[in-house]
Amino acid sequence: MSKDAYYFSHDSNARYDPKILAMRAVYGMEGYGRYWCLIEILRDEDGYKLEKTKHLFDALAMQMQCERNAAHEFVDACINEFGLLREDDEYIWSDSLINRMENKDKKSEKARKAAQKRWQKSSNDAGSMHSECERNADAMQTHSKRNALKERKVKESKEKEKHATRAGACEAAASSELESESVKFFVQNFGSMNPNDADLIADWEIALSTELVIAAMKLVISKGSRSIKFIDKVCRDWQKAGVTSLEEAQELERRHSPHQPRDGNIVPIGKKKQEEYKQKYGF
């Protein structure tokens, strides 16, 4: 997902929604296009609401490639006839979009805070170890250079071991705080996660499902890769193909030609290793 674009969930069977069917019966597929144009515009607005300004319908007409009156009539019909949009004296909005985005925003924020907390704990532990080493070095200056060097080496070895234990405990504690099983799986199998990666995984959990996102990561591992871009590519392909279950994803991958590898940081592996990955991860 491009960093310059903003994500929102869109059901693949939205065209069969009774309200949308009623709108299509009157406005056809042109109306369907206008409706999703409106939803995309609302997605970019603060609070996902469109303010009623003097030239609002001029701007909407330009976006929907129609006359101002036609744009005004269409929006009014979506509000008053089909129940697809709502309005008050100041704004126009979609309850469905707001509900979806609130769910996404909450999930993304939890993942982002957990990732930042993990980084902060790791940084604090590193700083604490550094301070302890400095204090130990000052204390050992009273001894001879030979003894100080020997004791410092022993201290440093113990501190490194202690720091590794603390860091592992912090990592496990931070991971346990994450509600997203997909994020947990990523940290355990791909290593550290930055806020952008957390956002991407959270987005795909909403667009597909937790089960499918974890399956996508397992597929990437089975290909010998640890690339977040590869995970994104697999999820995009599955969404485009309309995949909604693990069985459909597995069937799609079985039909995928081995002579047309996906994009990604793929490390070639032997047939024996491929068979092991297939048995372990199901692809």
C-alpha atoms as a PDB file:
ATOM      1  CA  MET A   1       0.000   0.000   0.000  1.00  0.00           C
ATOM      2  CA  SER A   2       1.475   3.305  -1.030  1.00  0.00           C
ATOM      3  CA  LYS A   3       2.413   5.666   1.801  1.00  0.00           C
ATOM      4  CA  ASP A   4       0.651   8.438  -0.161  1.00  0.00           C
ATOM      5  CA  ALA A   5      -2.654   6.541  -0.329  1.00  0.00           C
ATOM      6  CA  TYR A   6      -5.137   5.895   2.476  1.00  0.00           C
ATOM      7  CA  TYR A   7      -6.769   2.540   3.064  1.00  0.00           C
ATOM      8  CA  PHE A   8     -10.405   1.739   3.754  1.00  0.00           C
ATOM      9  CA  SER A   9     -12.241  -1.579   3.785  1.00  0.00           C
ATOM     10  CA  HIS A  10     -14.523  -2.436   0.859  1.00  0.00           C
ATOM     11  CA  ASP A  11     -16.517  -5.674   0.804  1.00  0.00           C
ATOM     12  CA  SER A  12     -16.106  -7.607  -2.460  1.00  0.00           C
ATOM     13  CA  ASN A  13     -19.880  -8.260  -2.532  1.00  0.00           C
ATOM     14  CA  ALA A  14     -20.898  -4.645  -1.794  1.00  0.00           C
ATOM     15  CA  ARG A  15     -22.615  -4.430  -5.195  1.00  0.00           C
ATOM     16  CA  TYR A  16     -25.280  -6.829  -3.864  1.00  0.00           C
ATOM     17  CA  ASP A  17     -26.178  -4.703  -0.843  1.00  0.00           C
ATOM     18  CA  PRO A  18     -29.963  -3.958  -1.025  1.00  0.00           C
ATOM     19  CA  LYS A  19     -29.414  -0.207  -0.725  1.00  0.00           C
ATOM     20  CA  ILE A  20     -26.785  -0.221  -3.453  1.00  0.00           C
ATOM     21  CA  LEU A  21     -28.963  -2.442  -5.641  1.00  0.00           C
ATOM     22  CA  ALA A  22     -31.784   0.092  -5.317  1.00  0.00           C
ATOM     23  CA  MET A  23     -29.421   2.894  -6.285  1.00  0.00           C
ATOM     24  CA  ARG A  24     -28.069   0.893  -9.256  1.00  0.00           C
ATOM     25  CA  ALA A  25     -31.610   0.210 -10.446  1.00  0.00           C
ATOM     26  CA  VAL A  26     -32.037   3.954 -10.931  1.00  0.00           C
ATOM     27  CA  TYR A  27     -28.535   5.176 -11.781  1.00  0.00           C
ATOM     28  CA  GLY A  28     -26.882   2.036 -13.188  1.00  0.00           C
ATOM     29  CA  MET A  29     -23.165   1.364 -12.975  1.00  0.00           C
ATOM     30  CA  GLU A  30     -22.507   5.081 -13.488  1.00  0.00           C
ATOM     31  CA  GLY A  31     -24.215   5.663 -10.151  1.00  0.00           C
ATOM     32  CA  TYR A  32     -22.176   2.826  -8.614  1.00  0.00           C
ATOM     33  CA  GLY A  33     -19.007   4.604  -9.719  1.00  0.00           C
ATOM     34  CA  ARG A  34     -20.258   7.941  -8.384  1.00  0.00           C
ATOM     35  CA  TYR A  35     -21.087   6.357  -5.024  1.00  0.00           C
ATOM     36  CA  TRP A  36     -17.621   4.903  -4.492  1.00  0.00           C
ATOM     37  CA  CYS A  37     -16.096   8.181  -5.643  1.00  0.00           C
ATOM     38  CA  LEU A  38     -18.034   9.842  -2.807  1.00  0.00           C
ATOM     39  CA  ILE A  39     -16.862   7.222  -0.301  1.00  0.00           C
ATOM     40  CA  GLU A  40     -13.225   7.761  -1.335  1.00  0.00           C
ATOM     41  CA  ILE A  41     -13.657  11.515  -0.895  1.00  0.00           C
ATOM     42  CA  LEU A  42     -15.188  10.996   2.557  1.00  0.00           C
ATOM     43  CA  ARG A  43     -12.282   8.701   3.493  1.00  0.00           C
ATOM     44  CA  ASP A  44      -9.858  11.608   3.081  1.00  0.00           C
ATOM     45  CA  GLU A  45     -11.882  14.083   5.165  1.00  0.00           C
ATOM     46  CA  ASP A  46     -11.326  14.811   8.870  1.00  0.00           C
ATOM     47  CA  GLY A  47     -13.718  12.664  10.876  1.00  0.00           C
ATOM     48  CA  TYR A  48     -14.754  11.078   7.548  1.00  0.00           C
ATOM     49  CA  LYS A  49     -17.398  13.802   7.105  1.00  0.00           C
ATOM     50  CA  LEU A  50     -17.829  16.195   4.159  1.00  0.00           C
ATOM     51  CA  GLU A  51     -18.499  19.797   5.118  1.00  0.00           C
ATOM     52  CA  LYS A  52     -21.326  21.552   3.278  1.00  0.00           C
ATOM     53  CA  THR A  53     -19.565  24.512   1.689  1.00  0.00           C
ATOM     54  CA  LYS A  54     -20.771  26.974  -0.937  1.00  0.00           C
ATOM     55  CA  HIS A  55     -18.987  25.225  -3.796  1.00  0.00           C
ATOM     56  CA  LEU A  56     -19.233  21.641  -2.518  1.00  0.00           C
ATOM     57  CA  PHE A  57     -21.339  20.345  -5.401  1.00  0.00           C
ATOM     58  CA  ASP A  58     -19.153  22.098  -7.971  1.00  0.00           C
ATOM     59  CA  ALA A  59     -16.202  20.151  -6.565  1.00  0.00           C
ATOM     60  CA  LEU A  60     -18.169  16.894  -6.442  1.00  0.00           C
ATOM     61  CA  ALA A  61     -19.375  17.390 -10.022  1.00  0.00           C
ATOM     62  CA  MET A  62     -15.753  17.743 -11.147  1.00  0.00           C
ATOM     63  CA  GLN A  63     -14.779  14.549  -9.292  1.00  0.00           C
ATOM     64  CA  MET A  64     -17.775  12.554 -10.578  1.00  0.00           C
ATOM     65  CA  GLN A  65     -17.504  14.032 -14.095  1.00  0.00           C
ATOM     66  CA  CYS A  66     -21.076  15.287 -14.291  1.00  0.00           C
ATOM     67  CA  GLU A  67     -23.022  18.545 -14.101  1.00  0.00           C
ATOM     68  CA  ARG A  68     -23.437  20.328 -10.748  1.00  0.00           C
ATOM     69  CA  ASN A  69     -27.185  19.691 -10.664  1.00  0.00           C
ATOM     70  CA  ALA A  70     -26.654  16.002 -11.423  1.00  0.00           C
ATOM     71  CA  ALA A  71     -24.134  15.715  -8.577  1.00  0.00           C
ATOM     72  CA  HIS A  72     -26.519  17.478  -6.188  1.00  0.00           C
ATOM     73  CA  GLU A  73     -29.430  15.262  -7.236  1.00  0.00           C
ATOM     74  CA  PHE A  74     -27.371  12.072  -6.856  1.00  0.00           C
ATOM     75  CA  VAL A  75     -26.106  12.935  -3.350  1.00  0.00           C
ATOM     76  CA  ASP A  76     -29.635  13.920  -2.294  1.00  0.00           C
ATOM     77  CA  ALA A  77     -30.967  10.570  -3.573  1.00  0.00           C
ATOM     78  CA  CYS A  78     -28.251   8.650  -1.692  1.00  0.00           C
ATOM     79  CA  ILE A  79     -29.349  10.432   1.488  1.00  0.00           C
ATOM     80  CA  ASN A  80     -33.138  10.572   1.185  1.00  0.00           C
ATOM     81  CA  GLU A  81     -34.077   7.698  -1.126  1.00  0.00           C
ATOM     82  CA  PHE A  82     -31.500   4.936  -0.723  1.00  0.00           C
ATOM     83  CA  GLY A  83     -30.189   5.521   2.826  1.00  0.00           C
ATOM     84  CA  LEU A  84     -26.567   5.189   1.727  1.00  0.00           C
ATOM     85  CA  LEU A  85     -25.501   8.538   3.205  1.00  0.00           C
ATOM     86  CA  ARG A  86     -26.611  10.784   6.063  1.00  0.00           C
ATOM     87  CA  GLU A  87     -26.534  14.551   6.637  1.00  0.00           C
ATOM     88  CA  ASP A  88     -27.152  17.340   9.113  1.00  0.00           C
ATOM     89  CA  ASP A  89     -26.949  21.108   8.745  1.00  0.00           C
ATOM     90  CA  GLU A  90     -23.152  21.056   8.414  1.00  0.00           C
ATOM     91  CA  TYR A  91     -21.946  17.690   7.120  1.00  0.00           C
ATOM     92  CA  ILE A  92     -22.576  14.680   4.871  1.00  0.00           C
ATOM     93  CA  TRP A  93     -21.256  11.266   5.914  1.00  0.00           C
ATOM     94  CA  SER A  94     -21.540   7.473   5.639  1.00  0.00           C
ATOM     95  CA  ASP A  95     -22.259   5.525   8.837  1.00  0.00           C
ATOM     96  CA  SER A  96     -20.821   2.383   7.256  1.00  0.00           C
ATOM     97  CA  LEU A  97     -17.510   4.082   6.404  1.00  0.00           C
ATOM     98  CA  ILE A  98     -17.184   5.680   9.842  1.00  0.00           C
ATOM     99  CA  ASN A  99     -17.792   2.340  11.602  1.00  0.00           C
ATOM    100  CA  ARG A 100     -15.216   0.578   9.451  1.00  0.00           C
ATOM    101  CA  MET A 101     -12.603   3.300   9.889  1.00  0.00           C
ATOM    102  CA  GLU A 102     -13.084   3.500  13.651  1.00  0.00           C
ATOM    103  CA  ASN A 103     -12.427  -0.244  13.845  1.00  0.00           C
ATOM    104  CA  LYS A 104      -9.333   0.074  11.653  1.00  0.00           C
ATOM    105  CA  ASP A 105      -7.992   3.120  13.531  1.00  0.00           C
ATOM    106  CA  LYS A 106      -8.347   1.402  16.915  1.00  0.00           C
ATOM    107  CA  LYS A 107      -6.583  -1.722  15.684  1.00  0.00           C
ATOM    108  CA  SER A 108      -3.767   0.232  14.020  1.00  0.00           C
ATOM    109  CA  GLU A 109      -3.257   2.411  17.098  1.00  0.00           C
ATOM    110  CA  LYS A 110      -2.972  -0.630  19.391  1.00  0.00           C
ATOM    111  CA  ALA A 111      -0.392  -2.229  17.117  1.00  0.00           C
ATOM    112  CA  ARG A 112       1.555   1.044  16.797  1.00  0.00           C
ATOM    113  CA  LYS A 113       1.636   1.641  20.564  1.00  0.00           C
ATOM    114  CA  ALA A 114       2.767  -1.930  21.231  1.00  0.00           C
ATOM    115  CA  ALA A 115       5.611  -1.591  18.689  1.00  0.00           C
ATOM    116  CA  GLN A 116       6.697   1.759  20.157  1.00  0.00           C
ATOM    117  CA  LYS A 117       6.547   0.366  23.704  1.00  0.00           C
ATOM    118  CA  ARG A 118       8.762  -2.540  22.699  1.00  0.00           C
ATOM    119  CA  TRP A 119      11.309  -0.148  21.184  1.00  0.00           C
ATOM    120  CA  GLN A 120      11.258   2.106  24.243  1.00  0.00           C
ATOM    121  CA  LYS A 121      11.831  -0.805  26.641  1.00  0.00           C
ATOM    122  CA  SER A 122      14.689  -2.074  24.524  1.00  0.00           C
ATOM    123  CA  SER A 123      16.266   1.405  24.431  1.00  0.00           C
ATOM    124  CA  ASN A 124      15.854   1.887  28.200  1.00  0.00           C
ATOM    125  CA  ASP A 125      17.455  -1.484  28.910  1.00  0.00           C
ATOM    126  CA  ALA A 126      20.416  -0.621  26.682  1.00  0.00           C
ATOM    127  CA  GLY A 127      20.850   2.742  28.453  1.00  0.00           C
ATOM    128  CA  SER A 128      20.621   1.122  31.876  1.00  0.00           C
ATOM    129  CA  MET A 129      23.282  -1.426  30.996  1.00  0.00           C
ATOM    130  CA  HIS A 130      25.571   1.350  29.731  1.00  0.00           C
ATOM    131  CA  SER A 131      25.204   3.303  33.004  1.00  0.00           C
ATOM    132  CA  GLU A 132      25.901   0.234  35.110  1.00  0.00           C
ATOM    133  CA  CYS A 133      29.036  -0.523  33.115  1.00  0.00           C
ATOM    134  CA  GLU A 134      30.304   3.049  33.687  1.00  0.00           C
ATOM    135  CA  ARG A 135      29.765   2.786  37.455  1.00  0.00           C
ATOM    136  CA  ASN A 136      31.533  -0.567  37.569  1.00  0.00           C
ATOM    137  CA  ALA A 137      34.470   0.853  35.614  1.00  0.00           C
ATOM    138  CA  ASP A 138      34.844   3.756  38.089  1.00  0.00           C
ATOM    139  CA  ALA A 139      34.851   1.379  41.044  1.00  0.00           C
ATOM    140  CA  MET A 140      37.520  -0.844  39.525  1.00  0.00           C
ATOM    141  CA  GLN A 141      39.949   2.071  39.070  1.00  0.00           C
ATOM    142  CA  THR A 142      41.133   1.511  42.703  1.00  0.00           C
ATOM    143  CA  HIS A 143      42.568  -1.868  41.740  1.00  0.00           C
ATOM    144  CA  SER A 144      45.621  -2.591  39.723  1.00  0.00           C
ATOM    145  CA  LYS A 145      45.368  -2.427  35.937  1.00  0.00           C
ATOM    146  CA  ARG A 146      45.766  -6.156  35.695  1.00  0.00           C
ATOM    147  CA  ASN A 147      42.994  -6.971  38.167  1.00  0.00           C
ATOM    148  CA  ALA A 148      40.756  -4.216  36.788  1.00  0.00           C
ATOM    149  CA  LEU A 149      41.015  -5.602  33.283  1.00  0.00           C
ATOM    150  CA  LYS A 150      40.245  -9.111  34.477  1.00  0.00           C
ATOM    151  CA  GLU A 151      37.281  -8.022  36.594  1.00  0.00           C
ATOM    152  CA  ARG A 152      35.910  -5.775  33.843  1.00  0.00           C
ATOM    153  CA  LYS A 153      35.852  -8.665  31.403  1.00  0.00           C
ATOM    154  CA  VAL A 154      33.969 -10.797  33.905  1.00  0.00           C
ATOM    155  CA  LYS A 155      31.512  -7.978  34.599  1.00  0.00           C
ATOM    156  CA  GLU A 156      30.922  -7.253  30.932  1.00  0.00           C
ATOM    157  CA  SER A 157      30.275 -10.913  30.218  1.00  0.00           C
ATOM    158  CA  LYS A 158      27.733 -11.111  33.037  1.00  0.00           C
ATOM    159  CA  GLU A 159      26.084  -7.838  32.009  1.00  0.00           C
ATOM    160  CA  LYS A 160      25.742  -8.988  28.411  1.00  0.00           C
ATOM    161  CA  GLU A 161      24.101 -12.190  29.577  1.00  0.00           C
ATOM    162  CA  LYS A 162      21.798 -10.243  31.932  1.00  0.00           C
ATOM    163  CA  HIS A 163      20.917  -7.726  29.206  1.00  0.00           C
ATOM    164  CA  ALA A 164      20.092 -10.499  26.735  1.00  0.00           C
ATOM    165  CA  THR A 165      17.807 -12.084  29.326  1.00  0.00           C
ATOM    166  CA  ARG A 166      16.102  -8.751  30.083  1.00  0.00           C
ATOM    167  CA  ALA A 167      15.708  -7.901  26.399  1.00  0.00           C
ATOM    168  CA  GLY A 168      14.165 -11.298  25.709  1.00  0.00           C
ATOM    169  CA  ALA A 169      11.759 -10.867  28.625  1.00  0.00           C
ATOM    170  CA  CYS A 170      10.784  -7.385  27.440  1.00  0.00           C
ATOM    171  CA  GLU A 171      10.235  -8.660  23.919  1.00  0.00           C
ATOM    172  CA  ALA A 172       8.030 -11.474  25.176  1.00  0.00           C
ATOM    173  CA  ALA A 173       6.076  -9.143  27.474  1.00  0.00           C
ATOM    174  CA  ALA A 174       5.520  -6.587  24.710  1.00  0.00           C
ATOM    175  CA  SER A 175       4.468  -9.262  22.278  1.00  0.00           C
ATOM    176  CA  SER A 176       1.982 -10.698  24.757  1.00  0.00           C
ATOM    177  CA  GLU A 177       0.320  -7.272  24.985  1.00  0.00           C
ATOM    178  CA  LEU A 178      -0.469  -7.245  21.282  1.00  0.00           C
ATOM    179  CA  GLU A 179      -4.034  -8.321  20.618  1.00  0.00           C
ATOM    180  CA  SER A 180      -3.312  -9.086  16.996  1.00  0.00           C
ATOM    181  CA  GLU A 181      -2.215 -12.687  16.417  1.00  0.00           C
ATOM    182  CA  SER A 182      -0.861 -11.594  13.025  1.00  0.00           C
ATOM    183  CA  VAL A 183       1.474  -9.043  14.636  1.00  0.00           C
ATOM    184  CA  LYS A 184       2.613 -11.632  17.191  1.00  0.00           C
ATOM    185  CA  PHE A 185       3.379 -14.089  14.398  1.00  0.00           C
ATOM    186  CA  PHE A 186       5.305 -11.413  12.484  1.00  0.00           C
ATOM    187  CA  VAL A 187       7.484 -10.507  15.502  1.00  0.00           C
ATOM    188  CA  GLN A 188       8.186 -14.161  16.288  1.00  0.00           C
ATOM    189  CA  ASN A 189       9.111 -15.128  12.727  1.00  0.00           C
ATOM    190  CA  PHE A 190      10.259 -11.941  10.962  1.00  0.00           C
ATOM    191  CA  GLY A 191      11.933 -10.034  13.800  1.00  0.00           C
ATOM    192  CA  SER A 192      11.369  -6.458  14.972  1.00  0.00           C
ATOM    193  CA  MET A 193       8.399  -4.486  13.632  1.00  0.00           C
ATOM    194  CA  ASN A 194       8.230  -0.737  13.022  1.00  0.00           C
ATOM    195  CA  PRO A 195       4.959   1.282  13.206  1.00  0.00           C
ATOM    196  CA  ASN A 196       4.540   1.274   9.411  1.00  0.00           C
ATOM    197  CA  ASP A 197       4.770  -2.530   9.330  1.00  0.00           C
ATOM    198  CA  ALA A 198       2.247  -2.722  12.189  1.00  0.00           C
ATOM    199  CA  ASP A 199      -0.157  -0.484  10.250  1.00  0.00           C
ATOM    200  CA  LEU A 200       0.198  -2.615   7.124  1.00  0.00           C
ATOM    201  CA  ILE A 201      -0.478  -5.884   8.972  1.00  0.00           C
ATOM    202  CA  ALA A 202      -3.469  -4.328  10.793  1.00  0.00           C
ATOM    203  CA  ASP A 203      -4.877  -3.072   7.466  1.00  0.00           C
ATOM    204  CA  TRP A 204      -4.660  -6.515   5.888  1.00  0.00           C
ATOM    205  CA  GLU A 205      -6.247  -8.151   8.942  1.00  0.00           C
ATOM    206  CA  ILE A 206      -9.294  -5.954   8.340  1.00  0.00           C
ATOM    207  CA  ALA A 207      -9.287  -6.361   4.550  1.00  0.00           C
ATOM    208  CA  LEU A 208      -8.853 -10.174   4.642  1.00  0.00           C
ATOM    209  CA  SER A 209      -8.775 -11.862   8.066  1.00  0.00           C
ATOM    210  CA  THR A 210      -6.274 -12.730  10.781  1.00  0.00           C
ATOM    211  CA  GLU A 211      -6.135 -16.335   9.536  1.00  0.00           C
ATOM    212  CA  LEU A 212      -5.362 -15.276   5.958  1.00  0.00           C
ATOM    213  CA  VAL A 213      -2.704 -12.729   6.974  1.00  0.00           C
ATOM    214  CA  ILE A 214      -0.896 -15.370   9.031  1.00  0.00           C
ATOM    215  CA  ALA A 215      -1.255 -17.781   6.089  1.00  0.00           C
ATOM    216  CA  ALA A 216       0.303 -15.151   3.804  1.00  0.00           C
ATOM    217  CA  MET A 217       3.257 -14.801   6.171  1.00  0.00           C
ATOM    218  CA  LYS A 218       3.666 -18.581   6.309  1.00  0.00           C
ATOM    219  CA  LEU A 219       3.651 -18.680   2.521  1.00  0.00           C
ATOM    220  CA  VAL A 220       6.371 -16.017   2.387  1.00  0.00           C
ATOM    221  CA  ILE A 221       8.471 -18.028   4.865  1.00  0.00           C
ATOM    222  CA  SER A 222       7.935 -21.187   2.792  1.00  0.00           C
ATOM    223  CA  LYS A 223       9.398 -19.320  -0.203  1.00  0.00           C
ATOM    224  CA  GLY A 224      12.566 -18.584   1.784  1.00  0.00           C
ATOM    225  CA  SER A 225      11.803 -14.877   2.290  1.00  0.00           C
ATOM    226  CA  ARG A 226      11.418 -12.483   5.230  1.00  0.00           C
ATOM    227  CA  SER A 227      10.160  -9.483   3.231  1.00  0.00           C
ATOM    228  CA  ILE A 228       7.240  -7.302   4.402  1.00  0.00           C
ATOM    229  CA  LYS A 229       6.803  -6.241   0.747  1.00  0.00           C
ATOM    230  CA  PHE A 230       6.354  -9.898  -0.192  1.00  0.00           C
ATOM    231  CA  ILE A 231       3.617 -10.260   2.458  1.00  0.00           C
ATOM    232  CA  ASP A 232       1.882  -7.183   1.041  1.00  0.00           C
ATOM    233  CA  LYS A 233       2.117  -8.624  -2.492  1.00  0.00           C
ATOM    234  CA  VAL A 234       0.568 -11.956  -1.454  1.00  0.00           C
ATOM    235  CA  CYS A 235      -2.299 -10.212   0.382  1.00  0.00           C
ATOM    236  CA  ARG A 236      -2.926  -7.960  -2.624  1.00  0.00           C
ATOM    237  CA  ASP A 237      -3.091 -10.979  -4.933  1.00  0.00           C
ATOM    238  CA  TRP A 238      -5.510 -12.785  -2.642  1.00  0.00           C
ATOM    239  CA  GLN A 239      -7.753  -9.748  -2.274  1.00  0.00           C
ATOM    240  CA  LYS A 240      -7.773  -9.230  -6.053  1.00  0.00           C
ATOM    241  CA  ALA A 241      -8.716 -12.892  -6.567  1.00  0.00           C
ATOM    242  CA  GLY A 242     -11.568 -12.589  -4.046  1.00  0.00           C
ATOM    243  CA  VAL A 243     -10.048 -15.074  -1.577  1.00  0.00           C
ATOM    244  CA  THR A 244     -12.104 -15.314   1.631  1.00  0.00           C
ATOM    245  CA  SER A 245     -10.869 -18.545   3.244  1.00  0.00           C
ATOM    246  CA  LEU A 246      -7.684 -20.506   3.853  1.00  0.00           C
ATOM    247  CA  GLU A 247      -8.890 -23.256   1.517  1.00  0.00           C
ATOM    248  CA  GLU A 248      -9.352 -20.753  -1.336  1.00  0.00           C
ATOM    249  CA  ALA A 249      -5.886 -19.319  -0.696  1.00  0.00           C
ATOM    250  CA  GLN A 250      -4.312 -22.790  -0.788  1.00  0.00           C
ATOM    251  CA  GLU A 251      -6.156 -23.642  -4.011  1.00  0.00           C
ATOM    252  CA  LEU A 252      -5.020 -20.367  -5.605  1.00  0.00           C
ATOM    253  CA  GLU A 253      -1.400 -21.073  -4.659  1.00  0.00           C
ATOM    254  CA  ARG A 254      -1.618 -24.622  -6.035  1.00  0.00           C
ATOM    255  CA  ARG A 255      -2.665 -23.128  -9.386  1.00  0.00           C
ATOM    256  CA  HIS A 256       0.118 -20.562  -9.265  1.00  0.00           C
ATOM    257  CA  SER A 257       2.783 -21.314 -11.880  1.00  0.00           C
ATOM    258  CA  PRO A 258       6.258 -22.020 -10.463  1.00  0.00           C
ATOM    259  CA  HIS A 259       7.700 -20.389 -13.578  1.00  0.00           C
ATOM    260  CA  GLN A 260       6.143 -17.056 -12.614  1.00  0.00           C
ATOM    261  CA  PRO A 261       7.536 -16.302  -9.145  1.00  0.00           C
ATOM    262  CA  ARG A 262       6.088 -13.409  -7.160  1.00  0.00           C
ATOM    263  CA  ASP A 263       8.033 -10.265  -6.427  1.00  0.00           C
ATOM    264  CA  GLY A 264       9.930 -10.379  -3.144  1.00  0.00           C
ATOM    265  CA  ASN A 265      13.297 -10.953  -1.524  1.00  0.00           C
ATOM    266  CA  ILE A 266      13.315 -14.668  -2.318  1.00  0.00           C
ATOM    267  CA  VAL A 267      16.248 -16.871  -1.380  1.00  0.00           C
ATOM    268  CA  PRO A 268      16.377 -20.035  -3.544  1.00  0.00           C
ATOM    269  CA  ILE A 269      15.994 -23.256  -1.516  1.00  0.00           C
ATOM    270  CA  GLY A 270      16.324 -26.909  -2.447  1.00  0.00           C
ATOM    271  CA  LYS A 271      13.482 -29.350  -3.110  1.00  0.00           C
ATOM    272  CA  LYS A 272      13.949 -31.088   0.242  1.00  0.00           C
ATOM    273  CA  LYS A 273      13.669 -27.788   2.103  1.00  0.00           C
ATOM    274  CA  GLN A 274      10.641 -26.808   0.026  1.00  0.00           C
ATOM    275  CA  GLU A 275       8.933 -30.055   0.990  1.00  0.00           C
ATOM    276  CA  GLU A 276       9.663 -29.392   4.673  1.00  0.00           C
ATOM    277  CA  TYR A 277       8.173 -25.904   4.435  1.00  0.00           C
ATOM    278  CA  LYS A 278       5.119 -27.265   2.633  1.00  0.00           C
ATOM    279  CA  GLN A 279       4.459 -29.834   5.370  1.00  0.00           C
ATOM    280  CA  LYS A 280       5.014 -27.234   8.098  1.00  0.00           C
ATOM    281  CA  TYR A 281       3.100 -24.274   6.649  1.00  0.00           C
ATOM    282  CA  GLY A 282       0.556 -25.889   4.308  1.00  0.00           C
ATOM    283  CA  PHE A 283       1.762 -24.348   1.018  1.00  0.00           C
END
